[in-house]
Protein backbone atom coordinates (compact mmCIF):
# COMPACT_ATOMS: atom_id res chain seq x y z
CA MET A 1 0.68 -51.10 23.92
CA HIS A 2 3.93 -52.09 22.29
CA ASP A 3 4.39 -53.15 18.71
CA ASP A 4 5.21 -56.87 18.79
CA THR A 5 6.11 -57.32 15.16
CA GLY A 6 9.50 -58.74 16.07
CA GLU A 7 11.24 -55.76 14.55
CA GLY A 8 12.54 -54.69 17.94
CA ARG A 9 11.35 -51.12 17.61
CA GLY A 10 9.19 -51.19 20.73
CA ARG A 11 7.41 -47.98 19.79
CA LEU A 12 3.91 -47.28 21.00
CA ARG A 13 1.14 -47.86 18.51
CA ARG A 14 -2.58 -47.56 18.50
CA PRO A 15 -4.15 -51.00 18.59
CA ARG A 16 -5.68 -51.91 15.25
CA LEU A 17 -7.96 -54.60 14.07
CA ARG A 18 -6.82 -54.88 10.46
CA TRP A 19 -8.30 -56.62 7.54
CA ALA A 20 -5.16 -56.20 5.47
CA GLY A 21 -5.53 -59.79 4.39
CA ILE A 22 -8.61 -58.90 2.38
CA PRO A 23 -7.14 -60.68 -0.64
CA ALA A 24 -7.29 -63.90 1.38
CA ALA A 25 -10.94 -63.16 2.06
CA VAL A 26 -11.50 -62.72 -1.67
CA ALA A 27 -10.59 -66.37 -2.05
CA GLY A 28 -13.37 -67.11 0.42
CA ILE A 29 -15.95 -64.92 -1.31
CA ALA A 30 -15.45 -65.54 -5.00
CA LEU A 31 -17.30 -68.28 -6.81
CA LEU A 32 -15.26 -70.11 -9.38
CA ALA A 33 -16.55 -71.58 -12.62
CA ALA A 34 -16.71 -75.37 -12.82
CA ALA A 35 -13.70 -77.00 -14.46
CA CYS A 36 -14.19 -79.68 -17.09
CA GLY A 37 -11.97 -82.63 -17.88
CA ALA A 38 -12.21 -84.99 -20.82
CA SER A 39 -11.39 -88.13 -18.85
CA SER A 40 -13.19 -87.32 -15.60
CA PRO A 41 -16.60 -85.94 -14.66
CA PRO A 42 -16.80 -82.15 -14.48
CA LEU A 43 -16.14 -80.60 -11.10
CA THR A 44 -18.94 -78.76 -9.39
CA ALA A 45 -18.38 -75.08 -8.68
CA THR A 46 -17.87 -75.96 -5.00
CA GLN A 47 -15.26 -78.61 -5.81
CA ALA A 48 -13.44 -76.28 -8.19
CA ARG A 49 -13.44 -73.51 -5.59
CA TYR A 50 -12.10 -75.88 -2.94
CA GLN A 51 -9.29 -77.10 -5.21
CA LYS A 52 -8.27 -73.54 -6.14
CA ASP A 53 -8.34 -72.43 -2.51
CA LEU A 54 -6.35 -75.52 -1.46
CA ALA A 55 -3.68 -74.71 -4.06
CA TYR A 56 -3.55 -71.14 -2.71
CA ALA A 57 -3.20 -72.37 0.91
CA GLN A 58 -0.41 -74.76 -0.06
CA CYS A 59 1.39 -71.97 -1.92
CA ILE A 60 1.12 -69.60 1.05
CA ARG A 61 2.45 -72.28 3.40
CA SER A 62 5.34 -73.05 1.05
CA HIS A 63 6.28 -69.36 1.15
CA GLY A 64 6.83 -69.16 4.90
CA GLN A 65 3.34 -69.17 6.42
CA PRO A 66 3.09 -72.73 7.87
CA SER A 67 0.00 -71.99 9.97
CA PHE A 68 -2.13 -70.77 7.04
CA PRO A 69 -5.34 -72.86 7.18
CA ASP A 70 -6.78 -75.23 4.62
CA PRO A 71 -10.03 -74.04 3.05
CA SER A 72 -13.39 -75.24 4.29
CA SER A 73 -15.07 -78.02 2.29
CA GLN A 74 -17.03 -75.34 0.38
CA GLY A 75 -13.88 -73.35 -0.32
CA GLY A 76 -13.00 -70.14 1.45
CA PHE A 77 -11.00 -69.70 4.62
CA LYS A 78 -11.69 -69.24 8.31
CA PHE A 79 -9.14 -67.36 10.39
CA PRO A 80 -9.92 -67.92 14.08
CA ASN A 81 -7.19 -65.49 15.10
CA GLY A 82 -7.98 -62.89 12.44
CA LEU A 83 -6.65 -62.46 8.95
CA PRO A 84 -2.90 -62.79 8.48
CA SER A 85 -0.84 -59.65 7.97
CA GLY A 86 2.71 -58.39 8.19
CA PRO A 87 5.66 -58.36 5.80
CA ALA A 88 6.12 -62.17 5.71
CA TYR A 89 2.47 -62.71 4.80
CA GLN A 90 2.56 -59.92 2.22
CA SER A 91 5.57 -61.58 0.58
CA ALA A 92 3.78 -64.96 0.50
CA TYR A 93 0.62 -63.28 -0.80
CA THR A 94 2.56 -61.59 -3.62
CA ALA A 95 4.05 -64.94 -4.63
CA CYS A 96 0.68 -66.74 -4.59
CA LYS A 97 -1.92 -64.15 -5.62
CA LYS A 98 -1.91 -65.49 -9.17
CA LEU A 99 -3.90 -68.43 -7.76
CA LEU A 100 -6.72 -66.17 -6.54
CA PRO A 101 -9.71 -65.08 -8.63
CA ASN A 102 -8.87 -61.85 -10.48
CA GLY A 103 -5.25 -62.26 -9.37
CA GLY A 104 -6.24 -61.22 -5.86
CA VAL A 105 -7.81 -57.93 -6.91
CA VAL A 106 -10.81 -57.14 -4.75
CA THR A 107 -13.81 -55.86 -6.69
CA ALA A 108 -15.70 -52.79 -5.53
CA ALA A 109 -18.72 -54.98 -4.74
CA GLN A 110 -16.60 -57.33 -2.60
CA LEU A 111 -15.05 -54.38 -0.79
CA ARG A 112 -18.50 -52.88 -0.08
CA LYS A 113 -19.66 -56.22 1.31
CA LEU A 114 -16.59 -56.52 3.54
CA MET A 115 -17.00 -52.93 4.75
CA GLY A 116 -20.66 -53.64 5.58
CA THR A 117 -19.62 -56.69 7.59
CA ALA A 118 -16.92 -54.71 9.41
CA LEU A 119 -19.49 -52.03 10.27
CA LYS A 120 -21.84 -54.70 11.67
CA PHE A 121 -18.91 -56.01 13.72
CA ALA A 122 -18.32 -52.55 15.20
CA GLN A 123 -22.04 -52.15 15.97
CA CYS A 124 -22.06 -55.58 17.63
CA MET A 125 -19.07 -54.65 19.80
CA ARG A 126 -20.92 -51.52 20.97
CA ALA A 127 -24.07 -53.55 21.63
CA HIS A 128 -21.99 -55.89 23.80
CA GLY A 129 -20.72 -53.16 26.11
CA ILE A 130 -17.77 -51.57 24.29
CA ALA A 131 -19.49 -48.18 24.02
CA ASN A 132 -16.65 -46.26 22.33
CA PHE A 133 -15.80 -48.94 19.77
CA PRO A 134 -15.05 -47.07 16.50
CA ASP A 135 -16.49 -47.67 13.04
CA PRO A 136 -14.19 -49.16 10.40
CA THR A 137 -12.29 -47.02 7.93
CA MET A 138 -11.00 -47.85 4.47
CA SER A 139 -7.70 -46.73 2.99
CA ASN A 140 -5.96 -48.12 -0.10
CA GLY A 141 -8.22 -51.16 -0.21
CA THR A 142 -7.57 -52.00 3.45
CA ILE A 143 -10.34 -51.99 6.01
CA SER A 144 -9.25 -51.34 9.58
CA ILE A 145 -10.65 -50.37 12.92
CA ALA A 146 -8.24 -48.18 14.84
CA ILE A 147 -8.87 -47.93 18.55
CA PRO A 148 -7.71 -44.44 19.52
CA GLN A 149 -5.40 -43.95 22.47
CA GLY A 150 -7.30 -42.50 25.39
CA SER A 151 -10.58 -44.07 24.26
CA GLY A 152 -10.77 -46.10 27.46
CA ILE A 153 -10.95 -49.35 25.49
CA ASP A 154 -8.76 -52.07 26.99
CA THR A 155 -8.35 -54.70 24.27
CA SER A 156 -7.14 -57.24 26.82
CA SER A 157 -10.01 -56.78 29.29
CA PRO A 158 -12.40 -59.70 29.92
CA GLN A 159 -15.33 -57.55 28.70
CA PHE A 160 -13.59 -56.71 25.42
CA LEU A 161 -12.57 -60.33 24.83
CA ALA A 162 -16.11 -61.56 25.61
CA SER A 163 -17.58 -58.96 23.24
CA GLN A 164 -15.14 -59.95 20.51
CA GLN A 165 -16.10 -63.60 21.01
CA ALA A 166 -19.82 -62.75 20.83
CA CYS A 167 -19.27 -60.81 17.59
CA ARG A 168 -16.82 -63.20 15.94
CA SER A 169 -19.30 -64.31 13.26
CA LEU A 170 -19.31 -60.73 11.95
CA LYS A 171 -15.54 -60.30 11.87
CA PRO A 172 -14.35 -60.93 8.30
CA GLY A 173 -12.19 -64.03 8.35
CA GLY A 174 -12.77 -64.28 12.07
CA GLY A 175 -13.88 -67.89 12.24
CA GLY A 176 -17.63 -67.42 12.31
CA SER A 177 -19.75 -70.26 11.02
CA SER A 178 -21.00 -70.26 7.48
């Protein structure tokens, strides 16, 4: 498989399912305190979360990520094509992370929850016929699932794509219903 990052390097890489956009998921996990205004009724926690997440989405889009989604009505984001990643997203994230709870820092509890979800995703993929699907790993606050070369897993096969669709609700940021 070739690296299609647009950098023109064309070197072979192991396919990865990355959750490098975990900070974006933090925006979807964190509950925000209700904001109060003297001239208007106080916002509910859900409304406050939605407004904060909307500001984050608008910031990300204004920094070169035009396809970044709006938050759901409860706040939080769904990423049907997986979490964003790459240098352009990282640059936008750096510019906008001040709008996230804790400045985008993922707590240990949030990271454990995301790792548990990623593990369930891997188990689901195996249960749906991808026998050699690997467990997730964590490095520097990034959760990823690296599919080793020679594993016999074809990430473009109909079986793999059907398994991924069946397990989408377990893929962090993967567009599952909430």
